[in-house]
Amino acid sequence: MPGLIRRSDIEEVRSRVNIADVVGDFVTLKNAGAGSLKGLCPFHEERTPSFHVRPQVGYYHCFGCGEGGDVFTFLQKMDHVTFQEAVERMAARLGYELHYEDGGQASDHGNRARLLAANAAAEVFFREQLATPAAQVGRDFLGARGFDAAAADQFGIGFAPKSFNALGDALKAQGFTELELTTAGLLSTGDRGNNYDRFRGRLIWPIRDITGQTVGFGARKLLDDEQDKGPKYLNTPETPIYHKSQVLYGLDLARRDIAKGKQVVVVEGYTDVMACHLAGVTTAVATCGTSFGVDHIKVIRRVLGDVDNANTSGLGQVIFTFDPDEAGQKAASRAFEEEQRFAAQTFVAVGPDGLDPCDLRLQRGDEAVRTLIDGRKPMFEFMIRRRLAGHDLETVEGRVTALRAAAPVVADMRDGSMLDGYVGKLAGWLGMELGEVRNAVRRAAFAAKEAPGKPAAGAHPSGQERAGTPQTTEQPAEPRGVSVTDLPIDPITRGERDALMALVQHPEAVGRDLTVRVLEARFVNSTLSVVRDAVAASLDDFEAPGWTDRIAREVPAPFSSLVRELAMAPIPQKADRLAEYCRQVVADLVDRDILRQKSELVGAMQRATADGDTTRWSELSRQSVALETERRQLRKE
């Protein structure tokens, strides 16, 4: 049983890791000012970014769904690992040696780290096998498709020998157990309980997660073999680290160019991804043995930074390539059904003569692949023309039935100006009066709205509003703690909130003396006064790396979420004026408290005068002068 990691090591790893780098492997983050970064939340579907990361504090928080925590929490939720595994993973990333209580060892058996290590070792094995004489059939396959040894090396392609135990024996010799290899999906179990290599006599593509770690494999059958009656393409089964609905082949290579160029190209196969990248279309990705679905969209939107607001809506591009066969047409229909989940514009690129990117590159060169993508057509135009196909537009009956088929597609458009434009296009394609087409589209929109259980035309499938309209974010199912959004919006509460944000996020800018003084001030908002008391109880850790954590531990459990939100909320000030701003908002709160005390003293002095108590009046007068002196000094600072 492994020992617990020493607390000091945990804190050291936490302080050394830049949380923005880790989160950035999953989410495209943009500068939100004052040391804050933001992007689309990976924990719930949203169209406007409410997910914030503050590297200086070491926290992330989503103001939409309430998820938040540190780098270890993020890894636990994203990669489904234990806390100890998250710490070990970050320590390995840093090259930091962990120490364990009672001399224990790292928890490296049967967990994510071991499964990743097994896959990494298997990838090395497969790549080495590609150079053997037995792999000539694999090299021939690649060569026939225009891929040389350099391309195979770039994409990590390997070969699984025609053997039931070659891989298993090689990895067992490296210390991996049969349980680990079967859990990783590298070995399969037969009817009699015997384990054997899952991939045999096949060309192998490593499937990597967004961080570049190999989580599974895709394999193509090369031999007509009675011993391998499996499908043409065989993938790793579902494992603790491989979930095909959440993985896109090539995303590890494409993600930076996707984020930079605001474009992603979705192709249908591994060789298509290779062809696109080698031709210069470095934003290409593909699904892994499953159809394109909602989880893939979530991944793409986070990387693309697919934000839905007035400044960025429609700037991104999602381009689908489909084969012209029946399977490709079904794939196009499925993609169109999910189109409204994107704020970005969606397009379709169909190769000339029905060639996919791989065959197109092979027959016509790299430039033809780039031309394919450049010649993309809007998704709506593609789908409308599909609906028109098969109708005889030379007859009245054919035009009427074609209009009925295409009108619902136009009615479903979320952009009103685009809808008007396509009404005109559809009228032109059909050779019909504009008014007649517009009325058909209106009837289709009304029918969709009235259909039981079906969202209105233009409505987002998830239930959210269409692009450009006010958004509502999903709420967590379980009760949440106290939130900043629960606070009143009056000026006094805002002042107290802003002062606490400055104290929690930038104590070094406020300074210890001013912090001590403001903690003596009376807070009007009772919720924020709880946080103020926690700050006071945490002064021993003032400006220490664990300052925010200490405050969160001091408050009652329901208030810890409020502390995290105060630590994450963007401060409305540029970096060069941040320190001045933080000190000023805290000083303003002290100034307000001084005025309150002076007002109370004036009343007490009036009562002392009425009672003829000169001694009391003199004492109160000295206190009033002292407060005024403090106030003037505060303003000078």
Foldseek 3Di string as FASTA:
>chain_A
DFFAWDPVLLVVLLLPDQLCVVVCLQFPWDDPFDQKIWFDDLPFADFAIQWIDRRLLQKIAGPAALDMDHSLSVCCVPQVFDSLVSSVVSCVVVVHDIAGPPRGDRPQAPGPNVLLVLQVVLLVVFAVQCPDPQNVLVQVVCVLLPHHPVLCVVQSKGFAAQFFCPSVVVVVVVPHDPVSCVLLQQWDADPVRDITGPDYQWIWGFFAASQRGGSWIKTAHRDPDPVDPDDRIDIRPDHSRDDQLQGKGLNNQQLVVCQVQLEAEEEADDLLQSLCVVLPNNRYIYGGPDAHDDNNVSSSCRSSSQHFADPCQAVHEYEYEFAPDPVRVVSLVRCLVQVQSGSYFYWYFAAPVRDRSSVCCVVPNSVSSVVSVVPTGGSLVVVLVVLLPPFDLVDPVSLVSSLLSNLLSLLQAQDPVVSLVVLVVSCVVSVHDSVVSVVSNVVSQVCQVPPPPGHGRNQRPVRFHGGHDDTRHDYDPDDAFDAPVVDDDDPLRVLLLLLLLLCLAPVVLQDDVLLVLLLPFDRPDPLSVLLSVLLVVQVVCRVPSCSLVSSLVSGPVSCSSHSSCSNGPDDPDHNVCSSVVNNVSSLVSSLVRLVVVLVVLVVVLVVCVVVVPVVVNVVSVVVNVVSVVVNVVSVVD
